Structure formats: C-alpha cells, structure tokens
Amino acid sequence: MNTNKIFISYNHNDSELIDTIAKRLELEFGKNNIFYDAWSIQPGDSIIGKMNEGLSDFTIFFFFMSPNSIKSSMVSLEWQTALNRAANNNLKFIGVKIADCDIPTILSDKLYIDLYGEGLDDAVSKMKSCVKSENVYKPLDDVQNLVATCREITHSKIEITVSTLLYSQQNPILAFSCENPLSEFSVCFNVSDISTFTGEDKLTVGAHHILYARTVQLLRPLSPNFPFVFEINLTNTSQLRNPTIFILVDGIKKVYKQIPMKLLKS
C-alpha cells in the first residue's frame, strides 16, 4: 500500500490547471494522501496550522512553477521550507513547470517535470512515477540516420544522394524504385562504389512488394561526409514519378525499409 504523502504547492491564479492535476493524482493515491488546500483546508480551520501540518507530514512535494507561484511570498515560503527539509531528510522535492517562467536560481540544478513543454498527460504520468519511485525514462523514437535527396539537374537527368546524418553505415545494400515503367529511365552508378547490381528485384517493404527496383551493395561505408550519389536518366519527356530509396534491414527475409526522401529544387 502506498504510504507517500503528497503536498501540492501552487498559486491560486493557477487553480484551474492544478485542480485537474490534483483530481488525477487522487484517483491513483487517494484524497487522504494528498495535501491540496482546496480540499484539505475546511471552513473554520487555521490556514497556517493546516499548512504547517501538511508541510511536516509530506514525503513528496510538488512545486508548480509559474510566474504566479514564483512571485508569491506564501508559495515561496512553502517551497523554501520544503527544499530545506528535502536537503536534510529522505524527501522528494519535485518542480513541475506549468507556464513559461524563469526557474529560481537555487532550483536551477534540479531536474523538473516540464508540463508546459510536454503536455498534461505525460507530465501527470511522470508525477505518478515519481511518487511510486519508478523511473520516468521515456524511450525516444529510433534515431533517423539515413536520408536521401532528389534533385533535377536537367529535364532528363535526376541526381539522387543517399547520406547519413550521425554515424557511418557499413556497406549497405540500397535499392531505387519509381513508378515509371522500365522503358522510361535508366540508372547510372559509379561502378567503383558498388559490388553488385541487379536489374529487377521484388522488394518486401512491410507487407508490400515493390517491383522493378535497382539494387546495389556499396563497397564502402556511407558516412556523413561521404554520401552515395547516382543519376537517373529519363529516356523521354516524362517526369520521374515517386522516386524512392530503400535499405536492406533483414538479409535473410530480404526485407527493406524506406529511407526518407527530400525533393530539392534545381
């Protein structure tokens, strides 16, 4: 059973947002485990007495940072008292940024939850993880290292460049495809760059098959400063339609992944 006691420190000008957050925390941890003045202080109660009781009992202190709370003398007293306790006891002091504001200098070396930048759902999820002593790490999307560009040199000649952004890609197998029939184009590679070349392949990309791709294996790595460049020559006046570059990601199943392509103006 959760025994953490949560103290919510905020300015009343931010009540609408804070009330939403408090109700979400209540569903997880229960109203009795959260000091939130809107429901913790009742008519007839001593405000100072109740605040002191809450501050002496908490194990998790959420300081909701906004221009309103940072300039409030009452809120400043709360978070400074809590910060002093956190420095000398096994307590968690967690800032939650809810608006564009300057973080107090004394808190500048502390990590905080950026609700203003990340959104309500992610921030509340992180708050819950902090209360439960769970890691708040959220995996990022896989890095996009390979990119391609397509640039028209002349009406009948197109330059394709495949490059890496962050690190080298060792001897990749690449494929080029477009929607033009084979009779309308030819592909010109620098033969010193490639070890194999196939005229027609069926590529598996997810659940889809791409027909009539030109596939090559590079003899060298791709690196940020050493891209792979080749040309498409159109044999008539038609436009090159939907040029696409793929990289082999599963050599056994022959599965390819599409590389993002950017069209450049000539």
Protein backbone atom coordinates (compact mmCIF):
# COMPACT_ATOMS: atom_id res chain seq x y z
CA MET A 1 0.00 0.00 0.00
CA ASN A 2 1.25 3.48 -0.88
CA THR A 3 2.23 5.50 2.22
CA ASN A 4 3.61 8.54 0.46
CA LYS A 5 2.08 11.88 1.39
CA ILE A 6 1.90 14.44 -1.39
CA PHE A 7 1.97 18.19 -0.88
CA ILE A 8 0.75 20.40 -3.73
CA SER A 9 2.29 23.87 -3.69
CA TYR A 10 0.83 26.37 -6.17
CA ASN A 11 -0.65 29.83 -6.58
CA HIS A 12 -4.42 30.21 -6.67
CA ASN A 13 -4.24 32.00 -10.01
CA ASP A 14 -3.29 28.61 -11.47
CA SER A 15 -6.18 26.81 -9.74
CA GLU A 16 -7.95 25.56 -12.86
CA LEU A 17 -4.98 23.53 -14.07
CA ILE A 18 -3.88 22.43 -10.61
CA ASP A 19 -7.35 21.16 -9.77
CA THR A 20 -7.27 18.94 -12.85
CA ILE A 21 -3.88 17.54 -11.83
CA ALA A 22 -4.94 17.02 -8.21
CA LYS A 23 -8.02 15.03 -9.25
CA ARG A 24 -5.88 12.77 -11.45
CA LEU A 25 -3.46 12.15 -8.58
CA GLU A 26 -6.40 11.48 -6.27
CA LEU A 27 -7.57 8.61 -8.48
CA GLU A 28 -4.18 6.94 -8.06
CA PHE A 29 -3.21 7.77 -4.47
CA GLY A 30 -6.39 8.80 -2.65
CA LYS A 31 -7.52 12.17 -1.32
CA ASN A 32 -6.25 11.44 2.20
CA ASN A 33 -2.68 11.10 0.92
CA ILE A 34 -2.67 14.47 -0.86
CA PHE A 35 -2.43 17.86 0.80
CA TYR A 36 -4.28 20.14 -1.58
CA ASP A 37 -5.67 23.20 0.16
CA ALA A 38 -8.88 23.18 -1.87
CA TRP A 39 -9.98 20.02 -0.07
CA SER A 40 -7.52 19.80 2.83
CA ILE A 41 -8.48 23.10 4.48
CA GLN A 42 -12.12 23.47 5.52
CA PRO A 43 -14.07 26.48 6.85
CA GLY A 44 -13.05 27.11 10.45
CA ASP A 45 -9.60 25.53 10.06
CA SER A 46 -6.48 27.53 10.79
CA ILE A 47 -4.89 28.11 7.39
CA ILE A 48 -1.38 28.48 8.83
CA GLY A 49 -1.92 25.49 11.14
CA LYS A 50 -3.13 23.26 8.32
CA MET A 51 -0.32 24.37 6.03
CA ASN A 52 2.24 23.63 8.75
CA GLU A 53 0.64 20.23 9.34
CA GLY A 54 0.80 19.42 5.64
CA LEU A 55 4.40 20.56 5.34
CA SER A 56 5.51 18.49 8.32
CA ASP A 57 3.75 15.35 7.06
CA PHE A 58 4.62 15.20 3.35
CA THR A 59 7.07 12.84 1.68
CA ILE A 60 6.57 14.16 -1.87
CA PHE A 61 6.49 17.91 -2.53
CA PHE A 62 5.30 19.13 -5.93
CA PHE A 63 6.13 22.78 -6.56
CA PHE A 64 4.12 24.02 -9.56
CA MET A 65 6.25 26.70 -11.14
CA SER A 66 4.65 29.62 -12.97
CA PRO A 67 5.07 33.41 -12.93
CA ASN A 68 2.22 33.48 -10.40
CA SER A 69 3.75 30.99 -7.96
CA ILE A 70 7.32 32.24 -8.24
CA LYS A 71 6.38 35.79 -7.26
CA SER A 72 4.04 34.65 -4.45
CA SER A 73 5.50 35.15 -0.98
CA MET A 74 3.28 32.42 0.53
CA VAL A 75 4.26 29.85 -2.11
CA SER A 76 7.92 30.87 -1.75
CA LEU A 77 7.71 30.16 1.98
CA GLU A 78 6.25 26.73 1.24
CA TRP A 79 8.81 25.60 -1.33
CA GLN A 80 11.80 27.04 0.53
CA THR A 81 10.72 25.24 3.70
CA ALA A 82 10.24 22.04 1.71
CA LEU A 83 13.60 22.41 -0.03
CA ASN A 84 15.33 22.76 3.34
CA ARG A 85 13.63 19.59 4.58
CA ALA A 86 14.48 17.74 1.37
CA ALA A 87 18.16 18.63 1.80
CA ASN A 88 18.26 17.09 5.26
CA ASN A 89 15.74 14.25 5.07
CA ASN A 90 14.68 11.46 2.76
CA LEU A 91 12.09 13.61 1.00
CA LYS A 92 11.41 14.28 -2.67
CA PHE A 93 11.20 17.85 -3.91
CA ILE A 94 9.93 17.94 -7.48
CA GLY A 95 9.39 21.06 -9.55
CA VAL A 96 6.65 21.00 -12.18
CA LYS A 97 6.83 23.80 -14.74
CA ILE A 98 3.30 24.72 -15.80
CA ALA A 99 3.97 28.01 -17.61
CA ASP A 100 6.77 29.89 -19.31
CA CYS A 101 8.83 31.26 -16.42
CA ASP A 102 12.33 31.67 -15.05
CA ILE A 103 13.28 28.86 -12.66
CA PRO A 104 14.52 30.13 -9.26
CA THR A 105 18.33 30.07 -9.24
CA ILE A 106 18.53 27.75 -6.24
CA LEU A 107 16.48 25.18 -8.19
CA SER A 108 18.36 25.52 -11.47
CA ASP A 109 20.45 22.37 -10.89
CA LYS A 110 17.39 20.21 -10.20
CA LEU A 111 15.59 18.23 -12.86
CA TYR A 112 11.95 19.18 -13.15
CA ILE A 113 8.86 17.94 -14.96
CA ASP A 114 8.06 20.23 -17.88
CA LEU A 115 4.27 20.11 -18.17
CA TYR A 116 4.37 23.36 -20.18
CA GLY A 117 6.57 21.75 -22.82
CA GLU A 118 5.45 18.09 -22.68
CA GLY A 119 1.71 18.33 -22.11
CA LEU A 120 -0.62 17.33 -19.29
CA ASP A 121 -0.80 13.57 -19.83
CA ASP A 122 2.96 12.96 -19.97
CA ALA A 123 3.60 15.26 -17.01
CA VAL A 124 0.99 13.61 -14.77
CA SER A 125 2.34 10.19 -15.75
CA LYS A 126 5.82 11.30 -14.66
CA MET A 127 4.44 12.70 -11.41
CA LYS A 128 2.83 9.37 -10.61
CA SER A 129 6.08 7.56 -11.39
CA CYS A 130 7.97 9.89 -9.03
CA VAL A 131 5.52 9.19 -6.22
CA LYS A 132 5.91 5.43 -6.78
CA SER A 133 9.71 5.72 -7.13
CA GLU A 134 9.57 4.45 -10.70
CA ASN A 135 12.00 5.53 -13.39
CA VAL A 136 10.46 8.30 -15.50
CA TYR A 137 12.59 7.50 -18.56
CA LYS A 138 10.55 7.54 -21.77
CA PRO A 139 12.18 5.94 -24.81
CA LEU A 140 12.72 8.28 -27.74
CA ASP A 141 11.97 7.36 -31.32
CA ASP A 142 14.79 5.49 -33.03
CA VAL A 143 17.31 7.89 -34.49
CA GLN A 144 16.93 8.62 -38.20
CA ASN A 145 20.42 8.27 -39.60
CA LEU A 146 19.85 7.64 -43.31
CA VAL A 147 18.34 10.30 -45.58
CA ALA A 148 18.08 10.84 -49.33
CA THR A 149 17.60 13.80 -51.64
CA CYS A 150 16.37 14.01 -55.21
CA ARG A 151 17.47 16.95 -57.39
CA GLU A 152 16.70 17.70 -61.01
CA ILE A 153 19.90 18.57 -62.90
CA THR A 154 18.22 18.83 -66.30
CA HIS A 155 14.78 17.86 -67.50
CA SER A 156 16.06 14.38 -68.32
CA LYS A 157 18.71 13.92 -65.62
CA ILE A 158 17.97 13.44 -61.90
CA GLU A 159 20.59 13.23 -59.15
CA ILE A 160 19.92 11.03 -56.13
CA THR A 161 22.06 11.40 -52.99
CA VAL A 162 21.96 8.96 -50.08
CA SER A 163 23.77 10.04 -46.92
CA THR A 164 23.98 9.54 -43.18
CA LEU A 165 23.42 12.23 -40.57
CA LEU A 166 25.09 10.93 -37.41
CA TYR A 167 27.25 7.86 -37.97
CA SER A 168 28.60 5.57 -40.68
CA GLN A 169 26.57 2.77 -42.25
CA GLN A 170 28.79 -0.15 -43.18
CA ASN A 171 28.48 -1.41 -46.79
CA PRO A 172 24.70 -1.03 -47.04
CA ILE A 173 22.53 -2.68 -49.68
CA LEU A 174 20.35 0.01 -51.24
CA ALA A 175 17.54 -0.10 -53.76
CA PHE A 176 15.97 2.53 -56.00
CA SER A 177 12.41 2.37 -57.26
CA CYS A 178 9.95 4.65 -59.04
CA GLU A 179 6.54 4.42 -60.68
CA ASN A 180 7.87 4.89 -64.21
CA PRO A 181 7.99 1.83 -66.47
CA LEU A 182 11.46 0.42 -67.17
CA SER A 183 11.37 1.76 -70.70
CA GLU A 184 11.35 5.38 -69.47
CA PHE A 185 14.54 5.52 -67.36
CA SER A 186 17.99 4.12 -66.72
CA VAL A 187 20.19 4.24 -63.62
CA CYS A 188 23.83 5.35 -63.75
CA PHE A 189 26.06 4.35 -60.82
CA ASN A 190 29.73 4.97 -60.16
CA VAL A 191 30.95 1.40 -60.54
CA SER A 192 33.82 1.94 -58.11
CA ASP A 193 31.24 2.42 -55.34
CA ILE A 194 29.26 -0.77 -55.82
CA SER A 195 29.92 -4.50 -55.80
CA THR A 196 26.64 -5.91 -57.09
CA PHE A 197 23.88 -4.62 -59.32
CA THR A 198 20.58 -6.20 -60.21
CA GLY A 199 18.23 -5.05 -62.91
CA GLU A 200 14.93 -6.21 -61.46
CA ASP A 201 14.08 -7.26 -57.92
CA LYS A 202 10.97 -7.78 -55.86
CA LEU A 203 11.46 -5.92 -52.58
CA THR A 204 9.47 -6.65 -49.42
CA VAL A 205 8.72 -3.44 -47.50
CA GLY A 206 6.47 -4.28 -44.57
CA ALA A 207 3.51 -6.08 -46.13
CA HIS A 208 4.08 -4.53 -49.56
CA HIS A 209 6.07 -5.62 -52.60
CA ILE A 210 7.96 -3.10 -54.73
CA LEU A 211 8.62 -4.25 -58.30
CA TYR A 212 11.37 -3.26 -60.73
CA ALA A 213 13.86 -1.90 -58.20
CA ARG A 214 17.53 -1.33 -58.94
CA THR A 215 19.54 -2.86 -56.10
CA VAL A 216 23.21 -2.25 -55.24
CA GLN A 217 25.61 -3.15 -52.46
CA LEU A 218 28.16 -0.49 -51.63
CA LEU A 219 31.84 -1.42 -51.46
CA ARG A 220 32.37 1.23 -48.83
CA PRO A 221 30.61 2.67 -45.78
CA LEU A 222 28.24 5.59 -46.02
CA SER A 223 29.32 8.41 -43.74
CA PRO A 224 28.13 11.97 -43.07
CA ASN A 225 30.97 13.34 -45.24
CA PHE A 226 30.93 10.63 -47.90
CA PRO A 227 27.45 10.15 -49.41
CA PHE A 228 26.45 7.84 -52.26
CA VAL A 229 25.42 9.74 -55.40
CA PHE A 230 23.95 8.34 -58.61
CA GLU A 231 21.89 9.57 -61.57
CA ILE A 232 18.58 8.70 -63.15
CA ASN A 233 18.40 9.34 -66.89
CA LEU A 234 14.93 9.72 -68.35
CA THR A 235 14.66 8.39 -71.89
CA ASN A 236 11.69 10.56 -72.89
CA THR A 237 9.95 13.74 -71.77
CA SER A 238 8.08 12.17 -68.87
CA GLN A 239 8.59 13.16 -65.25
CA LEU A 240 10.23 10.87 -62.72
CA ARG A 241 7.34 9.66 -60.57
CA ASN A 242 7.64 8.87 -56.87
CA PRO A 243 11.39 8.14 -56.65
CA THR A 244 12.09 6.07 -53.54
CA ILE A 245 15.20 4.73 -51.82
CA PHE A 246 15.24 1.62 -49.61
CA ILE A 247 17.83 -0.09 -47.42
CA LEU A 248 18.02 -3.81 -46.68
CA VAL A 249 17.26 -4.40 -42.98
CA ASP A 250 16.80 -8.19 -42.97
CA GLY A 251 19.16 -10.07 -45.27
CA ILE A 252 17.55 -13.46 -44.60
CA LYS A 253 13.97 -12.44 -45.32
CA LYS A 254 15.06 -9.78 -47.84
CA VAL A 255 13.07 -7.06 -46.09
CA TYR A 256 13.76 -3.43 -46.97
CA LYS A 257 12.98 -0.18 -45.18
CA GLN A 258 12.19 3.08 -46.91
CA ILE A 259 14.63 5.97 -46.45
CA PRO A 260 13.12 9.48 -46.13
CA MET A 261 13.44 11.37 -49.41
CA LYS A 262 13.56 15.14 -49.80
CA LEU A 263 12.90 16.73 -53.20
CA LEU A 264 15.23 19.63 -53.92
CA LYS A 265 14.61 22.38 -56.41
CA SER A 266 17.08 22.65 -59.26
